[in-house]
Amino acid sequence: MEDQDETPSPSTGPPDRQTLRLIERQLATDDLVAETMFDPDSYEPRLLSAHLDTARYPEIVTSARLDVRWFTTGDFSIHYIEAHDNDSEWECRWDRHPNTHNSRVHFHTPPTATDVTDLELSSLHPLAVYSTVLTAIEQRLETLWRT
């Protein structure tokens, strides 16, 4: 697997169907996940969406989902989006891709995912990244219930 500090390749490459299916299997077993779906379908997935169980959230959250893109180059984008009852959204994104704004591995910070900061991950293995993201979502849930 490519080191996160290496020179970026010019493209993220094609979708990594095997990794998307691996992540989908993990999401499908998580109590927080209500439904998973591939776009356009499971045979040629480009995007994996996981709709989260809003019964686990305070009433202000009307929907929550995780959109996962993973590429054969090891690049990825994992976007977490909450919709709130006041027509606002709270979102963040974990990314690894060629860019001009930060290091190849970076994080788009909440609440708008506009600001970007460098990100260090102990491993770029898909299941390690998945674990990092799900831990952050669980921490977000705890924060929502405290406020």
N, C-alpha and C. Protein backbone atom coordinates (compact mmCIF):
# COMPACT_ATOMS: atom_id res chain seq x y z
N MET A 1 0.85 -1.18 0.00
CA MET A 1 0.00 0.00 0.00
C MET A 1 0.89 1.24 0.00
N GLU A 2 0.52 2.22 -0.76
CA GLU A 2 1.26 3.45 -0.93
C GLU A 2 1.32 4.25 0.36
N ASP A 3 2.48 4.84 0.66
CA ASP A 3 2.62 5.69 1.84
C ASP A 3 1.88 6.99 1.62
N GLN A 4 1.25 7.52 2.67
CA GLN A 4 0.42 8.71 2.52
C GLN A 4 1.21 9.95 2.15
N ASP A 5 2.54 9.96 2.29
CA ASP A 5 3.33 11.14 1.98
C ASP A 5 3.96 11.10 0.59
N GLU A 6 3.73 10.05 -0.17
CA GLU A 6 4.30 9.96 -1.50
C GLU A 6 3.65 10.96 -2.43
N THR A 7 4.32 11.25 -3.53
CA THR A 7 3.79 12.17 -4.53
C THR A 7 2.47 11.64 -5.06
N PRO A 8 1.46 12.50 -5.11
CA PRO A 8 0.14 12.04 -5.56
C PRO A 8 0.17 11.59 -7.01
N SER A 9 -0.57 10.54 -7.31
CA SER A 9 -0.77 10.16 -8.69
C SER A 9 -1.76 11.15 -9.30
N PRO A 10 -1.82 11.26 -10.60
CA PRO A 10 -2.68 12.27 -11.21
C PRO A 10 -4.18 11.99 -11.09
N SER A 11 -4.56 10.79 -10.67
CA SER A 11 -5.96 10.42 -10.66
C SER A 11 -6.24 9.46 -9.51
N THR A 12 -7.48 9.42 -9.07
CA THR A 12 -7.87 8.45 -8.05
C THR A 12 -8.04 7.06 -8.63
N GLY A 13 -8.20 6.96 -9.95
CA GLY A 13 -8.37 5.66 -10.58
C GLY A 13 -9.81 5.18 -10.53
N PRO A 14 -10.04 3.95 -11.02
CA PRO A 14 -11.40 3.40 -11.03
C PRO A 14 -11.83 2.96 -9.63
N PRO A 15 -13.13 2.79 -9.44
CA PRO A 15 -13.64 2.31 -8.15
C PRO A 15 -13.08 0.93 -7.81
N ASP A 16 -12.79 0.72 -6.55
CA ASP A 16 -12.33 -0.58 -6.06
C ASP A 16 -13.57 -1.33 -5.56
N ARG A 17 -14.15 -2.12 -6.43
CA ARG A 17 -15.41 -2.82 -6.12
C ARG A 17 -15.25 -3.78 -4.95
N GLN A 18 -14.13 -4.47 -4.89
CA GLN A 18 -13.90 -5.44 -3.83
C GLN A 18 -13.88 -4.73 -2.46
N THR A 19 -13.20 -3.60 -2.37
CA THR A 19 -13.14 -2.86 -1.11
C THR A 19 -14.49 -2.28 -0.75
N LEU A 20 -15.22 -1.76 -1.73
CA LEU A 20 -16.56 -1.24 -1.44
C LEU A 20 -17.46 -2.35 -0.88
N ARG A 21 -17.35 -3.53 -1.43
CA ARG A 21 -18.17 -4.66 -0.94
C ARG A 21 -17.73 -5.07 0.47
N LEU A 22 -16.42 -5.04 0.74
CA LEU A 22 -15.91 -5.35 2.07
C LEU A 22 -16.46 -4.36 3.10
N ILE A 23 -16.41 -3.09 2.78
CA ILE A 23 -16.92 -2.06 3.70
C ILE A 23 -18.44 -2.22 3.87
N GLU A 24 -19.13 -2.55 2.79
CA GLU A 24 -20.58 -2.75 2.89
C GLU A 24 -20.91 -3.89 3.84
N ARG A 25 -20.14 -4.98 3.79
CA ARG A 25 -20.38 -6.10 4.70
C ARG A 25 -20.19 -5.67 6.16
N GLN A 26 -19.21 -4.82 6.41
CA GLN A 26 -18.99 -4.32 7.76
C GLN A 26 -20.14 -3.42 8.20
N LEU A 27 -20.53 -2.51 7.33
CA LEU A 27 -21.62 -1.59 7.66
C LEU A 27 -22.92 -2.35 7.91
N ALA A 28 -23.19 -3.37 7.13
CA ALA A 28 -24.43 -4.13 7.25
C ALA A 28 -24.57 -4.83 8.60
N THR A 29 -23.46 -5.04 9.30
CA THR A 29 -23.51 -5.70 10.60
C THR A 29 -23.53 -4.71 11.76
N ASP A 30 -23.42 -3.42 11.47
CA ASP A 30 -23.38 -2.40 12.52
C ASP A 30 -24.80 -1.99 12.92
N ASP A 31 -25.08 -1.95 14.22
CA ASP A 31 -26.41 -1.59 14.72
C ASP A 31 -26.82 -0.17 14.34
N LEU A 32 -25.86 0.70 14.09
CA LEU A 32 -26.15 2.08 13.73
C LEU A 32 -26.69 2.21 12.31
N VAL A 33 -26.43 1.22 11.48
CA VAL A 33 -26.77 1.29 10.05
C VAL A 33 -28.14 0.67 9.81
N ALA A 34 -29.03 1.46 9.20
CA ALA A 34 -30.38 0.98 8.86
C ALA A 34 -30.40 0.30 7.50
N GLU A 35 -29.60 0.82 6.54
CA GLU A 35 -29.66 0.31 5.17
C GLU A 35 -28.39 0.70 4.43
N THR A 36 -27.93 -0.19 3.57
CA THR A 36 -26.81 0.14 2.68
C THR A 36 -27.28 -0.04 1.24
N MET A 37 -26.67 0.74 0.35
CA MET A 37 -26.99 0.59 -1.07
C MET A 37 -25.81 1.05 -1.92
N PHE A 38 -25.69 0.42 -3.08
CA PHE A 38 -24.65 0.77 -4.04
C PHE A 38 -25.24 1.61 -5.15
N ASP A 39 -24.44 2.52 -5.66
CA ASP A 39 -24.82 3.30 -6.83
C ASP A 39 -23.78 3.04 -7.91
N PRO A 40 -24.14 2.65 -9.11
CA PRO A 40 -25.50 2.45 -9.56
C PRO A 40 -26.10 1.12 -9.11
N ASP A 41 -25.26 0.10 -8.84
CA ASP A 41 -25.76 -1.19 -8.35
C ASP A 41 -24.60 -1.98 -7.78
N SER A 42 -24.88 -3.16 -7.22
CA SER A 42 -23.83 -3.95 -6.57
C SER A 42 -22.87 -4.61 -7.57
N TYR A 43 -23.25 -4.67 -8.83
CA TYR A 43 -22.37 -5.27 -9.84
C TYR A 43 -21.30 -4.31 -10.31
N GLU A 44 -21.63 -3.05 -10.38
CA GLU A 44 -20.69 -2.02 -10.84
C GLU A 44 -20.67 -0.84 -9.87
N PRO A 45 -20.42 -1.09 -8.58
CA PRO A 45 -20.55 0.01 -7.61
C PRO A 45 -19.49 1.10 -7.80
N ARG A 46 -19.94 2.33 -7.73
CA ARG A 46 -19.04 3.48 -7.71
C ARG A 46 -19.13 4.20 -6.36
N LEU A 47 -20.28 4.05 -5.72
CA LEU A 47 -20.55 4.72 -4.45
C LEU A 47 -21.32 3.76 -3.55
N LEU A 48 -20.93 3.72 -2.30
CA LEU A 48 -21.64 2.96 -1.27
C LEU A 48 -22.24 3.97 -0.31
N SER A 49 -23.55 3.91 -0.12
CA SER A 49 -24.22 4.78 0.86
C SER A 49 -24.78 3.93 1.99
N ALA A 50 -24.60 4.43 3.19
CA ALA A 50 -25.17 3.78 4.37
C ALA A 50 -26.08 4.79 5.04
N HIS A 51 -27.35 4.48 5.11
CA HIS A 51 -28.31 5.33 5.81
C HIS A 51 -28.32 4.86 7.26
N LEU A 52 -28.13 5.80 8.16
CA LEU A 52 -28.01 5.47 9.57
C LEU A 52 -29.36 5.53 10.25
N ASP A 53 -29.50 4.79 11.32
CA ASP A 53 -30.75 4.67 12.05
C ASP A 53 -30.98 5.93 12.88
N THR A 54 -31.91 6.78 12.44
CA THR A 54 -32.16 8.04 13.13
C THR A 54 -32.79 7.85 14.51
N ALA A 55 -33.28 6.65 14.81
CA ALA A 55 -33.79 6.38 16.16
C ALA A 55 -32.66 6.47 17.19
N ARG A 56 -31.42 6.34 16.74
CA ARG A 56 -30.26 6.45 17.64
C ARG A 56 -29.84 7.89 17.88
N TYR A 57 -30.46 8.82 17.15
CA TYR A 57 -30.09 10.24 17.21
C TYR A 57 -31.15 11.04 17.97
N PRO A 58 -30.77 12.20 18.51
CA PRO A 58 -31.78 13.12 19.05
C PRO A 58 -32.73 13.57 17.93
N GLU A 59 -33.91 14.06 18.30
CA GLU A 59 -34.94 14.41 17.32
C GLU A 59 -34.51 15.46 16.30
N ILE A 60 -33.56 16.31 16.64
CA ILE A 60 -33.12 17.36 15.72
C ILE A 60 -32.55 16.77 14.42
N VAL A 61 -32.00 15.56 14.49
CA VAL A 61 -31.42 14.92 13.31
C VAL A 61 -32.51 14.15 12.57
N THR A 62 -32.80 14.58 11.35
CA THR A 62 -33.86 13.95 10.56
C THR A 62 -33.33 12.83 9.66
N SER A 63 -32.05 12.89 9.32
CA SER A 63 -31.42 11.80 8.57
C SER A 63 -29.91 11.90 8.74
N ALA A 64 -29.26 10.76 8.56
CA ALA A 64 -27.80 10.71 8.63
C ALA A 64 -27.34 9.62 7.68
N ARG A 65 -26.26 9.90 6.97
CA ARG A 65 -25.76 8.88 6.06
C ARG A 65 -24.25 9.01 5.90
N LEU A 66 -23.69 7.95 5.41
CA LEU A 66 -22.27 7.86 5.14
C LEU A 66 -22.12 7.47 3.68
N ASP A 67 -21.42 8.28 2.89
CA ASP A 67 -21.16 7.98 1.48
C ASP A 67 -19.69 7.60 1.34
N VAL A 68 -19.44 6.41 0.79
CA VAL A 68 -18.08 5.89 0.68
C VAL A 68 -17.71 5.69 -0.78
N ARG A 69 -16.58 6.25 -1.13
CA ARG A 69 -15.95 6.00 -2.44
C ARG A 69 -14.56 5.45 -2.15
N TRP A 70 -14.20 4.37 -2.82
CA TRP A 70 -12.87 3.79 -2.64
C TRP A 70 -12.35 3.43 -4.01
N PHE A 71 -11.07 3.69 -4.26
CA PHE A 71 -10.49 3.55 -5.59
C PHE A 71 -9.35 2.53 -5.59
N THR A 72 -9.06 1.97 -6.75
CA THR A 72 -8.02 0.95 -6.88
C THR A 72 -6.64 1.49 -6.52
N THR A 73 -6.46 2.80 -6.52
CA THR A 73 -5.19 3.42 -6.14
C THR A 73 -5.01 3.48 -4.62
N GLY A 74 -6.05 3.10 -3.86
CA GLY A 74 -6.02 3.24 -2.41
C GLY A 74 -6.57 4.58 -1.95
N ASP A 75 -6.94 5.43 -2.90
CA ASP A 75 -7.56 6.71 -2.54
C ASP A 75 -9.00 6.45 -2.11
N PHE A 76 -9.55 7.38 -1.32
CA PHE A 76 -10.90 7.22 -0.84
C PHE A 76 -11.50 8.57 -0.46
N SER A 77 -12.80 8.56 -0.31
CA SER A 77 -13.55 9.68 0.25
C SER A 77 -14.69 9.08 1.05
N ILE A 78 -14.77 9.45 2.32
CA ILE A 78 -15.83 8.98 3.19
C ILE A 78 -16.51 10.21 3.78
N HIS A 79 -17.73 10.44 3.37
CA HIS A 79 -18.46 11.68 3.67
C HIS A 79 -19.62 11.36 4.62
N TYR A 80 -19.61 12.01 5.78
CA TYR A 80 -20.68 11.85 6.76
C TYR A 80 -21.55 13.09 6.72
N ILE A 81 -22.87 12.90 6.59
CA ILE A 81 -23.82 14.02 6.48
C ILE A 81 -25.01 13.78 7.39
N GLU A 82 -25.29 14.77 8.22
CA GLU A 82 -26.51 14.78 9.03
C GLU A 82 -27.41 15.89 8.52
N ALA A 83 -28.68 15.61 8.35
CA ALA A 83 -29.67 16.65 8.05
C ALA A 83 -30.42 16.93 9.34
N HIS A 84 -30.63 18.22 9.63
CA HIS A 84 -31.31 18.62 10.87
C HIS A 84 -32.68 19.20 10.56
N ASP A 85 -33.54 19.20 11.58
CA ASP A 85 -34.92 19.66 11.38
C ASP A 85 -35.04 21.16 11.12
N ASN A 86 -33.95 21.90 11.25
CA ASN A 86 -33.97 23.33 10.93
C ASN A 86 -33.40 23.60 9.54
N ASP A 87 -33.44 22.59 8.69
CA ASP A 87 -32.95 22.66 7.30
C ASP A 87 -31.45 22.92 7.19
N SER A 88 -30.71 22.60 8.22
CA SER A 88 -29.25 22.73 8.15
C SER A 88 -28.64 21.33 8.06
N GLU A 89 -27.37 21.30 7.71
CA GLU A 89 -26.62 20.04 7.67
C GLU A 89 -25.35 20.19 8.50
N TRP A 90 -24.91 19.08 9.02
CA TRP A 90 -23.63 18.97 9.73
C TRP A 90 -22.88 17.88 9.02
N GLU A 91 -21.68 18.18 8.54
CA GLU A 91 -20.97 17.18 7.75
C GLU A 91 -19.47 17.28 7.93
N CYS A 92 -18.81 16.18 7.59
CA CYS A 92 -17.35 16.12 7.58
C CYS A 92 -16.95 15.02 6.59
N ARG A 93 -15.65 15.01 6.25
CA ARG A 93 -15.21 14.04 5.24
C ARG A 93 -13.75 13.65 5.46
N TRP A 94 -13.49 12.36 5.36
CA TRP A 94 -12.14 11.82 5.42
C TRP A 94 -11.74 11.50 3.98
N ASP A 95 -10.59 12.02 3.56
CA ASP A 95 -10.18 11.87 2.17
C ASP A 95 -8.73 11.43 2.02
N ARG A 96 -8.50 10.71 0.96
CA ARG A 96 -7.15 10.44 0.47
C ARG A 96 -7.25 10.51 -1.04
N HIS A 97 -6.66 11.56 -1.61
CA HIS A 97 -6.68 11.74 -3.06
C HIS A 97 -5.71 12.85 -3.44
N PRO A 98 -5.33 12.90 -4.72
CA PRO A 98 -4.47 13.99 -5.18
C PRO A 98 -5.21 15.31 -5.04
N ASN A 99 -4.52 16.34 -4.57
CA ASN A 99 -5.15 17.65 -4.42
C ASN A 99 -4.08 18.71 -4.29
N THR A 100 -4.51 19.95 -4.32
CA THR A 100 -3.58 21.07 -4.17
C THR A 100 -3.77 21.80 -2.85
N HIS A 101 -4.75 21.39 -2.04
CA HIS A 101 -5.05 22.15 -0.82
C HIS A 101 -4.40 21.61 0.44
N ASN A 102 -4.03 20.36 0.51
CA ASN A 102 -3.45 19.76 1.71
C ASN A 102 -2.67 18.52 1.33
N SER A 103 -2.24 17.78 2.36
CA SER A 103 -1.59 16.51 2.08
C SER A 103 -2.60 15.56 1.44
N ARG A 104 -2.10 14.52 0.87
CA ARG A 104 -2.97 13.55 0.18
C ARG A 104 -4.04 13.02 1.13
N VAL A 105 -3.67 12.75 2.39
CA VAL A 105 -4.63 12.29 3.39
C VAL A 105 -5.03 13.50 4.22
N HIS A 106 -6.33 13.80 4.24
CA HIS A 106 -6.80 15.00 4.93
C HIS A 106 -8.23 14.83 5.40
N PHE A 107 -8.67 15.80 6.20
CA PHE A 107 -9.99 15.76 6.81
C PHE A 107 -10.68 17.09 6.58
N HIS A 108 -11.89 17.03 6.06
CA HIS A 108 -12.73 18.22 5.90
C HIS A 108 -13.56 18.34 7.17
N THR A 109 -13.30 19.38 7.94
CA THR A 109 -13.84 19.49 9.29
C THR A 109 -15.30 19.93 9.32
N PRO A 110 -16.01 19.48 10.36
CA PRO A 110 -17.39 19.90 10.55
C PRO A 110 -17.43 21.35 11.03
N PRO A 111 -18.53 22.01 10.91
CA PRO A 111 -19.85 21.48 10.55
C PRO A 111 -20.16 21.53 9.06
N THR A 112 -19.29 22.17 8.24
CA THR A 112 -19.62 22.35 6.82
C THR A 112 -18.74 21.54 5.88
N ALA A 113 -17.69 20.93 6.39
CA ALA A 113 -16.71 20.19 5.58
C ALA A 113 -15.99 21.10 4.59
N THR A 114 -15.98 22.39 4.89
CA THR A 114 -15.30 23.36 4.02
C THR A 114 -13.83 23.48 4.37
N ASP A 115 -13.54 23.64 5.65
CA ASP A 115 -12.15 23.77 6.09
C ASP A 115 -11.48 22.40 6.07
N VAL A 116 -10.19 22.41 5.75
CA VAL A 116 -9.46 21.16 5.57
C VAL A 116 -8.21 21.17 6.45
N THR A 117 -7.93 20.03 7.04
CA THR A 117 -6.72 19.87 7.84
C THR A 117 -6.04 18.56 7.44
N ASP A 118 -4.71 18.52 7.58
CA ASP A 118 -4.00 17.27 7.31
C ASP A 118 -4.47 16.21 8.30
N LEU A 119 -4.40 14.96 7.88
CA LEU A 119 -4.87 13.86 8.70
C LEU A 119 -3.81 12.77 8.73
N GLU A 120 -3.53 12.26 9.91
CA GLU A 120 -2.63 11.12 10.04
C GLU A 120 -3.44 9.92 10.49
N LEU A 121 -3.34 8.86 9.73
CA LEU A 121 -4.01 7.60 10.07
C LEU A 121 -2.94 6.57 10.35
N SER A 122 -3.15 5.75 11.36
CA SER A 122 -2.15 4.72 11.70
C SER A 122 -2.04 3.67 10.61
N SER A 123 -3.12 3.49 9.84
CA SER A 123 -3.13 2.52 8.75
C SER A 123 -4.09 3.01 7.67
N LEU A 124 -3.76 2.72 6.44
CA LEU A 124 -4.65 3.05 5.32
C LEU A 124 -5.45 1.83 4.85
N HIS A 125 -5.37 0.74 5.61
CA HIS A 125 -6.16 -0.43 5.28
C HIS A 125 -7.63 -0.04 5.38
N PRO A 126 -8.47 -0.46 4.45
CA PRO A 126 -9.88 -0.06 4.46
C PRO A 126 -10.60 -0.31 5.79
N LEU A 127 -10.33 -1.43 6.45
CA LEU A 127 -11.01 -1.70 7.71
C LEU A 127 -10.52 -0.80 8.84
N ALA A 128 -9.27 -0.38 8.79
CA ALA A 128 -8.75 0.56 9.79
C ALA A 128 -9.37 1.94 9.58
N VAL A 129 -9.48 2.36 8.32
CA VAL A 129 -10.12 3.65 8.02
C VAL A 129 -11.59 3.59 8.43
N TYR A 130 -12.26 2.50 8.10
CA TYR A 130 -13.66 2.29 8.50
C TYR A 130 -13.81 2.43 10.01
N SER A 131 -12.94 1.80 10.76
CA SER A 131 -12.99 1.85 12.22
C SER A 131 -12.80 3.28 12.73
N THR A 132 -11.88 4.02 12.15
CA THR A 132 -11.66 5.41 12.52
C THR A 132 -12.92 6.24 12.31
N VAL A 133 -13.55 6.05 11.16
CA VAL A 133 -14.76 6.81 10.82
C VAL A 133 -15.91 6.45 11.75
N LEU A 134 -16.15 5.17 11.96
CA LEU A 134 -17.27 4.76 12.82
C LEU A 134 -17.06 5.20 14.26
N THR A 135 -15.83 5.20 14.73
CA THR A 135 -15.53 5.71 16.07
C THR A 135 -15.87 7.19 16.16
N ALA A 136 -15.52 7.95 15.13
CA ALA A 136 -15.85 9.38 15.10
C ALA A 136 -17.36 9.62 15.09
N ILE A 137 -18.09 8.79 14.36
CA ILE A 137 -19.55 8.94 14.32
C ILE A 137 -20.15 8.62 15.69
N GLU A 138 -19.66 7.59 16.35
CA GLU A 138 -20.14 7.27 17.70
C GLU A 138 -19.85 8.42 18.66
N GLN A 139 -18.68 9.05 18.53
CA GLN A 139 -18.36 10.21 19.37
C GLN A 139 -19.28 11.38 19.05
N ARG A 140 -19.61 11.55 17.80
CA ARG A 140 -20.56 12.60 17.40
C ARG A 140 -21.92 12.34 18.05
N LEU A 141 -22.38 11.11 18.02
CA LEU A 141 -23.65 10.77 18.65
C LEU A 141 -23.64 11.12 20.14
N GLU A 142 -22.57 10.78 20.83
CA GLU A 142 -22.45 11.12 22.24
C GLU A 142 -22.54 12.63 22.46
N THR A 143 -21.86 13.39 21.60
CA THR A 143 -21.90 14.86 21.70
C THR A 143 -23.31 15.38 21.47
N LEU A 144 -23.98 14.85 20.46
CA LEU A 144 -25.36 15.29 20.18
C LEU A 144 -26.27 15.06 21.38
N TRP A 145 -26.13 13.91 22.02
CA TRP A 145 -27.01 13.61 23.16
C TRP A 145 -26.67 14.47 24.38
N ARG A 146 -25.41 14.90 24.50
CA ARG A 146 -25.01 15.75 25.63
C ARG A 146 -25.48 17.19 25.48
N THR A 147 -25.69 17.63 24.23
CA THR A 147 -26.04 19.04 24.01
C THR A 147 -27.54 19.25 23.88
